[in-house]
PDB file of N, CA and C in Angstrom:
ATOM      1  N   UNK A   1      16.873 -27.887  22.302  1.00  0.00           N
ATOM      2  CA  UNK A   1      15.536 -28.253  21.870  1.00  0.00           C
ATOM      3  C   UNK A   1      14.897 -29.141  22.943  1.00  0.00           C
ATOM      4  N   UNK A   2      13.668 -28.775  23.365  1.00  0.00           N
ATOM      5  CA  UNK A   2      13.010 -29.541  24.420  1.00  0.00           C
ATOM      6  C   UNK A   2      12.360 -30.795  23.831  1.00  0.00           C
ATOM      7  N   UNK A   3      12.341 -31.879  24.612  1.00  0.00           N
ATOM      8  CA  UNK A   3      11.731 -33.110  24.112  1.00  0.00           C
ATOM      9  C   UNK A   3      10.214 -32.958  24.000  1.00  0.00           C
ATOM     10  N   UNK A   4       9.623 -33.596  23.005  1.00  0.00           N
ATOM     11  CA  UNK A   4       8.172 -33.538  22.802  1.00  0.00           C
ATOM     12  C   UNK A   4       7.474 -34.517  23.730  1.00  0.00           C
ATOM     13  N   UNK A   5       6.247 -34.183  24.092  1.00  0.00           N
ATOM     14  CA  UNK A   5       5.426 -35.068  24.902  1.00  0.00           C
ATOM     15  C   UNK A   5       4.407 -35.720  23.989  1.00  0.00           C
ATOM     16  N   UNK A   6       4.233 -37.018  24.152  1.00  0.00           N
ATOM     17  CA  UNK A   6       3.327 -37.792  23.304  1.00  0.00           C
ATOM     18  C   UNK A   6       2.229 -38.427  24.134  1.00  0.00           C
ATOM     19  N   UNK A   7       1.114 -38.731  23.486  1.00  0.00           N
ATOM     20  CA  UNK A   7       0.086 -39.574  24.080  1.00  0.00           C
ATOM     21  C   UNK A   7      -0.220 -40.662  23.075  1.00  0.00           C
ATOM     22  N   UNK A   8      -0.846 -41.718  23.535  1.00  0.00           N
ATOM     23  CA  UNK A   8      -1.129 -42.868  22.679  1.00  0.00           C
ATOM     24  C   UNK A   8      -2.612 -42.890  22.356  1.00  0.00           C
ATOM     25  N   UNK A   9      -2.914 -43.057  21.062  1.00  0.00           N
ATOM     26  CA  UNK A   9      -4.294 -43.176  20.604  1.00  0.00           C
ATOM     27  C   UNK A   9      -4.345 -44.281  19.565  1.00  0.00           C
ATOM     28  N   UNK A  10      -5.396 -45.059  19.604  1.00  0.00           N
ATOM     29  CA  UNK A  10      -5.556 -46.151  18.650  1.00  0.00           C
ATOM     30  C   UNK A  10      -6.135 -45.626  17.349  1.00  0.00           C
ATOM     31  N   UNK A  11      -5.600 -46.083  16.228  1.00  0.00           N
ATOM     32  CA  UNK A  11      -6.139 -45.714  14.919  1.00  0.00           C
ATOM     33  C   UNK A  11      -7.490 -46.417  14.752  1.00  0.00           C
ATOM     34  N   UNK A  12      -8.548 -45.671  14.425  1.00  0.00           N
ATOM     35  CA  UNK A  12      -9.865 -46.300  14.272  1.00  0.00           C
ATOM     36  C   UNK A  12      -9.966 -47.175  13.022  1.00  0.00           C
ATOM     37  N   UNK A  13      -9.036 -47.024  12.099  1.00  0.00           N
ATOM     38  CA  UNK A  13      -9.069 -47.811  10.863  1.00  0.00           C
ATOM     39  C   UNK A  13      -8.330 -49.128  10.997  1.00  0.00           C
ATOM     40  N   UNK A  14      -7.067 -49.078  11.438  1.00  0.00           N
ATOM     41  CA  UNK A  14      -6.267 -50.303  11.485  1.00  0.00           C
ATOM     42  C   UNK A  14      -6.008 -50.814  12.899  1.00  0.00           C
ATOM     43  N   UNK A  15      -6.280 -50.012  13.912  1.00  0.00           N
ATOM     44  CA  UNK A  15      -6.115 -50.455  15.292  1.00  0.00           C
ATOM     45  C   UNK A  15      -4.721 -50.286  15.860  1.00  0.00           C
ATOM     46  N   UNK A  16      -3.796 -49.762  15.101  1.00  0.00           N
ATOM     47  CA  UNK A  16      -2.437 -49.563  15.619  1.00  0.00           C
ATOM     48  C   UNK A  16      -2.421 -48.480  16.690  1.00  0.00           C
ATOM     49  N   UNK A  17      -1.494 -48.632  17.607  1.00  0.00           N
ATOM     50  CA  UNK A  17      -1.315 -47.624  18.656  1.00  0.00           C
ATOM     51  C   UNK A  17      -0.425 -46.525  18.089  1.00  0.00           C
ATOM     52  N   UNK A  18      -0.957 -45.314  18.034  1.00  0.00           N
ATOM     53  CA  UNK A  18      -0.225 -44.186  17.477  1.00  0.00           C
ATOM     54  C   UNK A  18       0.317 -43.322  18.600  1.00  0.00           C
ATOM     55  N   UNK A  19       1.552 -42.908  18.486  1.00  0.00           N
ATOM     56  CA  UNK A  19       2.168 -41.986  19.433  1.00  0.00           C
ATOM     57  C   UNK A  19       2.064 -40.602  18.808  1.00  0.00           C
ATOM     58  N   UNK A  20       1.195 -39.765  19.372  1.00  0.00           N
ATOM     59  CA  UNK A  20       0.868 -38.466  18.797  1.00  0.00           C
ATOM     60  C   UNK A  20       1.372 -37.366  19.725  1.00  0.00           C
ATOM     61  N   UNK A  21       2.004 -36.365  19.144  1.00  0.00           N
ATOM     62  CA  UNK A  21       2.479 -35.230  19.940  1.00  0.00           C
ATOM     63  C   UNK A  21       1.303 -34.477  20.540  1.00  0.00           C
ATOM     64  N   UNK A  22       1.489 -33.995  21.749  1.00  0.00           N
ATOM     65  CA  UNK A  22       0.435 -33.266  22.449  1.00  0.00           C
ATOM     66  C   UNK A  22       0.054 -31.998  21.662  1.00  0.00           C
ATOM     67  N   UNK A  23       0.980 -31.438  20.937  1.00  0.00           N
ATOM     68  CA  UNK A  23       0.712 -30.230  20.149  1.00  0.00           C
ATOM     69  C   UNK A  23      -0.383 -30.453  19.110  1.00  0.00           C
ATOM     70  N   UNK A  24      -0.629 -31.724  18.738  1.00  0.00           N
ATOM     71  CA  UNK A  24      -1.609 -32.040  17.700  1.00  0.00           C
ATOM     72  C   UNK A  24      -3.002 -32.330  18.243  1.00  0.00           C
ATOM     73  N   UNK A  25      -3.206 -32.188  19.549  1.00  0.00           N
ATOM     74  CA  UNK A  25      -4.529 -32.432  20.134  1.00  0.00           C
ATOM     75  C   UNK A  25      -5.586 -31.570  19.440  1.00  0.00           C
ATOM     76  N   UNK A  26      -6.682 -32.201  19.062  1.00  0.00           N
ATOM     77  CA  UNK A  26      -7.780 -31.499  18.412  1.00  0.00           C
ATOM     78  C   UNK A  26      -7.609 -31.333  16.913  1.00  0.00           C
ATOM     79  N   UNK A  27      -6.470 -31.713  16.386  1.00  0.00           N
ATOM     80  CA  UNK A  27      -6.215 -31.581  14.956  1.00  0.00           C
ATOM     81  C   UNK A  27      -6.433 -32.905  14.228  1.00  0.00           C
ATOM     82  N   UNK A  28      -6.625 -32.795  12.936  1.00  0.00           N
ATOM     83  CA  UNK A  28      -6.758 -33.991  12.087  1.00  0.00           C
ATOM     84  C   UNK A  28      -5.354 -34.523  11.829  1.00  0.00           C
ATOM     85  N   UNK A  29      -5.162 -35.805  12.103  1.00  0.00           N
ATOM     86  CA  UNK A  29      -3.883 -36.460  11.840  1.00  0.00           C
ATOM     87  C   UNK A  29      -4.135 -37.692  10.983  1.00  0.00           C
ATOM     88  N   UNK A  30      -3.058 -38.218  10.400  1.00  0.00           N
ATOM     89  CA  UNK A  30      -3.164 -39.373   9.514  1.00  0.00           C
ATOM     90  C   UNK A  30      -2.263 -40.478  10.038  1.00  0.00           C
ATOM     91  N   UNK A  31      -2.802 -41.693  10.095  1.00  0.00           N
ATOM     92  CA  UNK A  31      -2.029 -42.865  10.505  1.00  0.00           C
ATOM     93  C   UNK A  31      -0.957 -43.127   9.447  1.00  0.00           C
ATOM     94  N   UNK A  32       0.281 -43.253   9.865  1.00  0.00           N
ATOM     95  CA  UNK A  32       1.376 -43.490   8.925  1.00  0.00           C
ATOM     96  C   UNK A  32       1.351 -44.903   8.350  1.00  0.00           C
ATOM     97  N   UNK A  33       0.606 -45.809   8.987  1.00  0.00           N
ATOM     98  CA  UNK A  33       0.545 -47.192   8.507  1.00  0.00           C
ATOM     99  C   UNK A  33      -0.525 -47.365   7.431  1.00  0.00           C
ATOM    100  N   UNK A  34      -1.775 -46.962   7.744  1.00  0.00           N
ATOM    101  CA  UNK A  34      -2.889 -47.214   6.818  1.00  0.00           C
ATOM    102  C   UNK A  34      -3.422 -45.952   6.141  1.00  0.00           C
ATOM    103  N   UNK A  35      -2.908 -44.805   6.555  1.00  0.00           N
ATOM    104  CA  UNK A  35      -3.326 -43.500   6.025  1.00  0.00           C
ATOM    105  C   UNK A  35      -4.761 -43.156   6.396  1.00  0.00           C
ATOM    106  N   UNK A  36      -5.280 -43.781   7.438  1.00  0.00           N
ATOM    107  CA  UNK A  36      -6.610 -43.445   7.946  1.00  0.00           C
ATOM    108  C   UNK A  36      -6.562 -42.119   8.693  1.00  0.00           C
ATOM    109  N   UNK A  37      -7.570 -41.282   8.499  1.00  0.00           N
ATOM    110  CA  UNK A  37      -7.618 -39.974   9.148  1.00  0.00           C
ATOM    111  C   UNK A  37      -8.366 -40.076  10.476  1.00  0.00           C
ATOM    112  N   UNK A  38      -7.941 -39.276  11.449  1.00  0.00           N
ATOM    113  CA  UNK A  38      -8.596 -39.238  12.747  1.00  0.00           C
ATOM    114  C   UNK A  38      -8.311 -37.888  13.383  1.00  0.00           C
ATOM    115  N   UNK A  39      -9.089 -37.557  14.393  1.00  0.00           N
ATOM    116  CA  UNK A  39      -8.848 -36.351  15.186  1.00  0.00           C
ATOM    117  C   UNK A  39      -8.058 -36.766  16.424  1.00  0.00           C
ATOM    118  N   UNK A  40      -6.941 -36.107  16.652  1.00  0.00           N
ATOM    119  CA  UNK A  40      -6.105 -36.425  17.810  1.00  0.00           C
ATOM    120  C   UNK A  40      -6.851 -36.032  19.084  1.00  0.00           C
ATOM    121  N   UNK A  41      -7.156 -37.038  19.906  1.00  0.00           N
ATOM    122  CA  UNK A  41      -7.935 -36.829  21.119  1.00  0.00           C
ATOM    123  C   UNK A  41      -7.299 -37.601  22.265  1.00  0.00           C
ATOM    124  N   UNK A  42      -7.131 -36.949  23.377  1.00  0.00           N
ATOM    125  CA  UNK A  42      -6.578 -37.615  24.549  1.00  0.00           C
ATOM    126  C   UNK A  42      -7.601 -38.622  25.052  1.00  0.00           C
ATOM    127  N   UNK A  43      -7.270 -39.909  25.079  1.00  0.00           N
ATOM    128  CA  UNK A  43      -8.235 -40.927  25.506  1.00  0.00           C
ATOM    129  C   UNK A  43      -8.784 -40.684  26.910  1.00  0.00           C
ATOM    130  N   UNK A  44      -8.017 -40.042  27.780  1.00  0.00           N
ATOM    131  CA  UNK A  44      -8.490 -39.785  29.142  1.00  0.00           C
ATOM    132  C   UNK A  44      -9.632 -38.770  29.151  1.00  0.00           C
ATOM    133  N   UNK A  45      -9.714 -37.937  28.126  1.00  0.00           N
ATOM    134  CA  UNK A  45     -10.742 -36.906  28.070  1.00  0.00           C
ATOM    135  C   UNK A  45     -11.932 -37.292  27.209  1.00  0.00           C
ATOM    136  N   UNK A  46     -11.811 -38.377  26.460  1.00  0.00           N
ATOM    137  CA  UNK A  46     -12.879 -38.794  25.552  1.00  0.00           C
ATOM    138  C   UNK A  46     -14.065 -39.352  26.302  1.00  0.00           C
ATOM    139  N   UNK A  47     -15.262 -39.064  25.792  1.00  0.00           N
ATOM    140  CA  UNK A  47     -16.495 -39.633  26.331  1.00  0.00           C
ATOM    141  C   UNK A  47     -17.244 -40.280  25.181  1.00  0.00           C
ATOM    142  N   UNK A  48     -18.036 -41.300  25.459  1.00  0.00           N
ATOM    143  CA  UNK A  48     -18.803 -41.926  24.383  1.00  0.00           C
ATOM    144  C   UNK A  48     -19.726 -40.914  23.719  1.00  0.00           C
ATOM    145  N   UNK A  49     -19.979 -41.118  22.431  1.00  0.00           N
ATOM    146  CA  UNK A  49     -20.838 -40.216  21.661  1.00  0.00           C
ATOM    147  C   UNK A  49     -22.223 -40.115  22.288  1.00  0.00           C
ATOM    148  N   UNK A  50     -22.734 -41.207  22.832  1.00  0.00           N
ATOM    149  CA  UNK A  50     -24.064 -41.196  23.445  1.00  0.00           C
ATOM    150  C   UNK A  50     -24.165 -40.181  24.574  1.00  0.00           C
ATOM    151  N   UNK A  51     -23.056 -39.911  25.262  1.00  0.00           N
ATOM    152  CA  UNK A  51     -23.073 -38.924  26.348  1.00  0.00           C
ATOM    153  C   UNK A  51     -23.412 -37.531  25.835  1.00  0.00           C
ATOM    154  N   UNK A  52     -23.091 -37.267  24.576  1.00  0.00           N
ATOM    155  CA  UNK A  52     -23.383 -35.962  23.985  1.00  0.00           C
ATOM    156  C   UNK A  52     -24.715 -35.969  23.250  1.00  0.00           C
ATOM    157  N   UNK A  53     -24.977 -37.025  22.504  1.00  0.00           N
ATOM    158  CA  UNK A  53     -26.131 -37.064  21.614  1.00  0.00           C
ATOM    159  C   UNK A  53     -27.441 -37.239  22.376  1.00  0.00           C
ATOM    160  N   UNK A  54     -27.501 -38.153  23.309  1.00  0.00           N
ATOM    161  CA  UNK A  54     -28.758 -38.434  23.999  1.00  0.00           C
ATOM    162  C   UNK A  54     -29.348 -37.209  24.704  1.00  0.00           C
ATOM    163  N   UNK A  55     -28.572 -36.424  25.447  1.00  0.00           N
ATOM    164  CA  UNK A  55     -29.168 -35.232  26.063  1.00  0.00           C
ATOM    165  C   UNK A  55     -29.673 -34.226  25.028  1.00  0.00           C
ATOM    166  N   UNK A  56     -28.979 -34.096  23.916  1.00  0.00           N
ATOM    167  CA  UNK A  56     -29.430 -33.176  22.869  1.00  0.00           C
ATOM    168  C   UNK A  56     -30.739 -33.646  22.253  1.00  0.00           C
ATOM    169  N   UNK A  57     -30.848 -34.934  21.976  1.00  0.00           N
ATOM    170  CA  UNK A  57     -32.091 -35.472  21.413  1.00  0.00           C
ATOM    171  C   UNK A  57     -33.237 -35.348  22.402  1.00  0.00           C
ATOM    172  N   UNK A  58     -32.972 -35.605  23.665  1.00  0.00           N
ATOM    173  CA  UNK A  58     -33.997 -35.491  24.696  1.00  0.00           C
ATOM    174  C   UNK A  58     -34.497 -34.050  24.783  1.00  0.00           C
ATOM    175  N   UNK A  59     -33.587 -33.087  24.738  1.00  0.00           N
ATOM    176  CA  UNK A  59     -33.955 -31.676  24.789  1.00  0.00           C
ATOM    177  C   UNK A  59     -34.784 -31.291  23.566  1.00  0.00           C
ATOM    178  N   UNK A  60     -34.388 -31.747  22.388  1.00  0.00           N
ATOM    179  CA  UNK A  60     -35.141 -31.450  21.168  1.00  0.00           C
ATOM    180  C   UNK A  60     -36.541 -32.046  21.241  1.00  0.00           C
ATOM    181  N   UNK A  61     -36.666 -33.263  21.732  1.00  0.00           N
ATOM    182  CA  UNK A  61     -37.979 -33.894  21.873  1.00  0.00           C
ATOM    183  C   UNK A  61     -38.871 -33.101  22.823  1.00  0.00           C
ATOM    184  N   UNK A  62     -38.300 -32.626  23.935  1.00  0.00           N
ATOM    185  CA  UNK A  62     -39.083 -31.835  24.890  1.00  0.00           C
ATOM    186  C   UNK A  62     -39.549 -30.521  24.269  1.00  0.00           C
ATOM    187  N   UNK A  63     -38.676 -29.884  23.498  1.00  0.00           N
ATOM    188  CA  UNK A  63     -39.047 -28.630  22.857  1.00  0.00           C
ATOM    189  C   UNK A  63     -40.156 -28.842  21.824  1.00  0.00           C
ATOM    190  N   UNK A  64     -40.045 -29.909  21.050  1.00  0.00           N
ATOM    191  CA  UNK A  64     -41.075 -30.204  20.058  1.00  0.00           C
ATOM    192  C   UNK A  64     -42.404 -30.545  20.722  1.00  0.00           C
ATOM    193  N   UNK A  65     -42.359 -31.199  21.867  1.00  0.00           N
ATOM    194  CA  UNK A  65     -43.581 -31.581  22.565  1.00  0.00           C
ATOM    195  C   UNK A  65     -44.324 -30.361  23.107  1.00  0.00           C
ATOM    196  N   UNK A  66     -43.617 -29.269  23.362  1.00  0.00           N
ATOM    197  CA  UNK A  66     -44.270 -28.080  23.906  1.00  0.00           C
ATOM    198  C   UNK A  66     -44.988 -27.259  22.843  1.00  0.00           C
ATOM    199  N   UNK A  67     -44.694 -27.506  21.583  1.00  0.00           N
ATOM    200  CA  UNK A  67     -45.348 -26.755  20.507  1.00  0.00           C
ATOM    201  C   UNK A  67     -46.757 -27.319  20.308  1.00  0.00           C
ATOM    202  N   UNK A  68     -47.740 -26.450  20.317  1.00  0.00           N
ATOM    203  CA  UNK A  68     -49.115 -26.887  20.090  1.00  0.00           C
ATOM    204  C   UNK A  68     -49.560 -26.460  18.703  1.00  0.00           C
ATOM    205  N   UNK A  69     -50.696 -26.979  18.288  1.00  0.00           N
ATOM    206  CA  UNK A  69     -51.229 -26.634  16.970  1.00  0.00           C
ATOM    207  C   UNK A  69     -51.508 -25.141  16.861  1.00  0.00           C
ATOM    208  N   UNK A  70     -51.912 -24.498  17.959  1.00  0.00           N
ATOM    209  CA  UNK A  70     -52.204 -23.065  17.923  1.00  0.00           C
ATOM    210  C   UNK A  70     -50.949 -22.242  17.685  1.00  0.00           C
ATOM    211  N   UNK A  71     -49.805 -22.754  18.102  1.00  0.00           N
ATOM    212  CA  UNK A  71     -48.569 -22.016  17.925  1.00  0.00           C
ATOM    213  C   UNK A  71     -48.047 -22.098  16.494  1.00  0.00           C
ATOM    214  N   UNK A  72     -48.489 -23.114  15.774  1.00  0.00           N
ATOM    215  CA  UNK A  72     -48.053 -23.276  14.394  1.00  0.00           C
ATOM    216  C   UNK A  72     -49.023 -22.577  13.463  1.00  0.00           C
ATOM    217  N   UNK A  73     -48.532 -21.867  12.454  1.00  0.00           N
ATOM    218  CA  UNK A  73     -49.456 -21.249  11.499  1.00  0.00           C
ATOM    219  C   UNK A  73     -50.194 -22.332  10.704  1.00  0.00           C
ATOM    220  N   UNK A  74     -51.456 -22.054  10.414  1.00  0.00           N
ATOM    221  CA  UNK A  74     -52.237 -23.043   9.669  1.00  0.00           C
ATOM    222  C   UNK A  74     -51.741 -23.163   8.244  1.00  0.00           C
ATOM    223  N   UNK A  75     -51.290 -22.059   7.685  1.00  0.00           N
ATOM    224  CA  UNK A  75     -50.733 -22.075   6.340  1.00  0.00           C
ATOM    225  C   UNK A  75     -49.533 -21.158   6.310  1.00  0.00           C
ATOM    226  N   UNK A  76     -48.548 -21.564   5.586  1.00  0.00           N
ATOM    227  CA  UNK A  76     -47.400 -20.692   5.393  1.00  0.00           C
ATOM    228  C   UNK A  76     -47.712 -19.738   4.255  1.00  0.00           C
ATOM    229  N   UNK A  77     -47.273 -18.495   4.330  1.00  0.00           N
ATOM    230  CA  UNK A  77     -47.536 -17.558   3.244  1.00  0.00           C
ATOM    231  C   UNK A  77     -46.898 -18.047   1.954  1.00  0.00           C
ATOM    232  N   UNK A  78     -47.581 -17.805   0.872  1.00  0.00           N
ATOM    233  CA  UNK A  78     -47.085 -18.219  -0.440  1.00  0.00           C
ATOM    234  C   UNK A  78     -46.012 -17.251  -0.903  1.00  0.00           C
ATOM    235  N   UNK A  79     -44.823 -17.748  -1.263  1.00  0.00           N
ATOM    236  CA  UNK A  79     -43.778 -16.839  -1.739  1.00  0.00           C
ATOM    237  C   UNK A  79     -44.147 -16.263  -3.100  1.00  0.00           C
ATOM    238  N   UNK A  80     -43.920 -14.998  -3.277  1.00  0.00           N
ATOM    239  CA  UNK A  80     -44.254 -14.364  -4.577  1.00  0.00           C
ATOM    240  C   UNK A  80     -43.018 -13.959  -5.300  1.00  0.00           C
TER     241      UNK A  80
END
């Protein structure tokens, strides 16, 4: 039997350092101490949420800004 490879991730609930098998990357795991749930993520690959959210919000704002009143229908059809 080959030895398992682990990485260390901090539990977001209790702060304990968890040793998680690499096989569980991307899966939901539970802290054995506090039973807090988390997604197993390699800390070296993690990026702050703002790195993902801000570009998406900026893109949505730009798309909304390009819509003019003429492009929007004055009234939506009444459902029958």
